[in-house]
Amino acid sequence: MSKELLFVQCELKRRHEDLDAYIIIWIPEKYAIKDKILKIKNENKEWVDGWKVIHVYNEIKKTEKEANIDAEAWKHQRECSDI
């Protein structure tokens, strides 16, 4: 029986043209290491290098399906609340 891949929520930071960009995303637990530099996909499914893990929220671990549902939930909230 294979072990199910678990995801944890992390805050990442990337320096780009004198500005810091921050995101909070779900990533596989094995990559959720503070100060690790990652390459992640952007909205256009292109790989972007240089994201640094600055905080790991270890309290909750989810399956990939659960993490994807949570990652998409904010979009529905915005649709309902934005004017």
Protein backbone atom coordinates (compact mmCIF):
# COMPACT_ATOMS: atom_id res chain seq x y z
CA MET A 1 0.00 0.00 0.00
CA SER A 2 1.49 3.36 -1.01
CA LYS A 3 1.55 6.24 1.42
CA GLU A 4 -0.70 9.12 0.41
CA LEU A 5 1.10 12.36 -0.46
CA LEU A 6 0.28 15.08 2.06
CA PHE A 7 0.34 18.84 1.51
CA VAL A 8 0.97 21.66 3.96
CA GLN A 9 0.25 25.35 3.63
CA CYS A 10 3.33 27.57 3.30
CA GLU A 11 4.14 31.23 2.79
CA LEU A 12 6.64 31.86 0.02
CA LYS A 13 8.53 35.00 -0.97
CA ARG A 14 10.21 35.96 -4.24
CA ARG A 15 12.24 39.05 -5.07
CA HIS A 16 11.47 40.51 -8.51
CA GLU A 17 12.56 43.91 -9.84
CA ASP A 18 13.08 45.53 -6.42
CA LEU A 19 9.75 44.24 -5.11
CA ASP A 20 8.94 41.33 -2.83
CA ALA A 21 6.07 39.07 -3.85
CA TYR A 22 4.39 36.84 -1.26
CA ILE A 23 2.04 33.91 -1.73
CA ILE A 24 0.47 31.34 0.53
CA ILE A 25 0.06 27.99 -1.18
CA TRP A 26 -0.28 24.27 -0.48
CA ILE A 27 2.87 22.33 -1.35
CA PRO A 28 3.90 18.70 -0.86
CA GLU A 29 5.11 18.11 2.69
CA LYS A 30 8.55 16.96 1.53
CA TYR A 31 9.26 20.44 0.04
CA ALA A 32 7.86 22.39 3.00
CA ILE A 33 11.22 23.27 4.54
CA LYS A 34 11.91 26.76 5.87
CA ASP A 35 14.46 28.67 3.71
CA LYS A 36 14.24 26.12 0.86
CA ILE A 37 14.20 27.69 -2.63
CA LEU A 38 11.48 26.27 -4.89
CA LYS A 39 10.26 26.42 -8.45
CA ILE A 40 6.45 26.64 -8.69
CA LYS A 41 3.90 26.97 -11.48
CA ASN A 42 2.17 30.30 -12.00
CA GLU A 43 -1.40 30.89 -13.22
CA ASN A 44 -0.27 30.23 -16.81
CA LYS A 45 1.20 26.82 -15.84
CA GLU A 46 4.76 28.16 -16.38
CA TRP A 47 7.51 27.24 -13.91
CA VAL A 48 8.89 30.21 -11.94
CA ASP A 49 12.11 29.75 -9.95
CA GLY A 50 13.30 31.61 -6.89
CA TRP A 51 10.45 31.20 -4.38
CA LYS A 52 11.77 30.93 -0.81
CA VAL A 53 9.78 29.15 1.89
CA ILE A 54 9.56 31.67 4.72
CA HIS A 55 6.89 30.01 6.88
CA VAL A 56 5.50 26.48 7.14
CA TYR A 57 2.06 26.03 8.68
CA ASN A 58 2.41 22.45 9.96
CA GLU A 59 -0.77 22.36 12.00
CA ILE A 60 -2.91 21.00 9.17
CA LYS A 61 -1.92 18.44 6.55
CA LYS A 62 -4.22 17.60 3.66
CA THR A 63 -4.40 15.29 0.70
CA GLU A 64 -3.84 16.79 -2.74
CA LYS A 65 -7.59 16.78 -3.40
CA GLU A 66 -8.36 18.57 -0.12
CA ALA A 67 -5.57 21.12 -0.69
CA ASN A 68 -6.86 21.88 -4.22
CA ILE A 69 -10.39 22.44 -2.89
CA ASP A 70 -9.08 24.87 -0.27
CA ALA A 71 -6.84 26.63 -2.80
CA GLU A 72 -9.83 27.28 -5.08
CA ALA A 73 -12.25 28.30 -2.30
CA TRP A 74 -11.04 31.91 -2.11
CA LYS A 75 -12.05 32.45 -5.75
CA HIS A 76 -15.67 31.62 -4.94
CA GLN A 77 -15.56 33.85 -1.88
CA ARG A 78 -14.27 36.73 -4.02
CA GLU A 79 -16.99 36.18 -6.64
CA CYS A 80 -19.66 36.50 -3.94
CA SER A 81 -18.13 39.43 -2.06
CA ASP A 82 -16.56 41.71 -4.70
CA ILE A 83 -18.62 44.59 -5.97
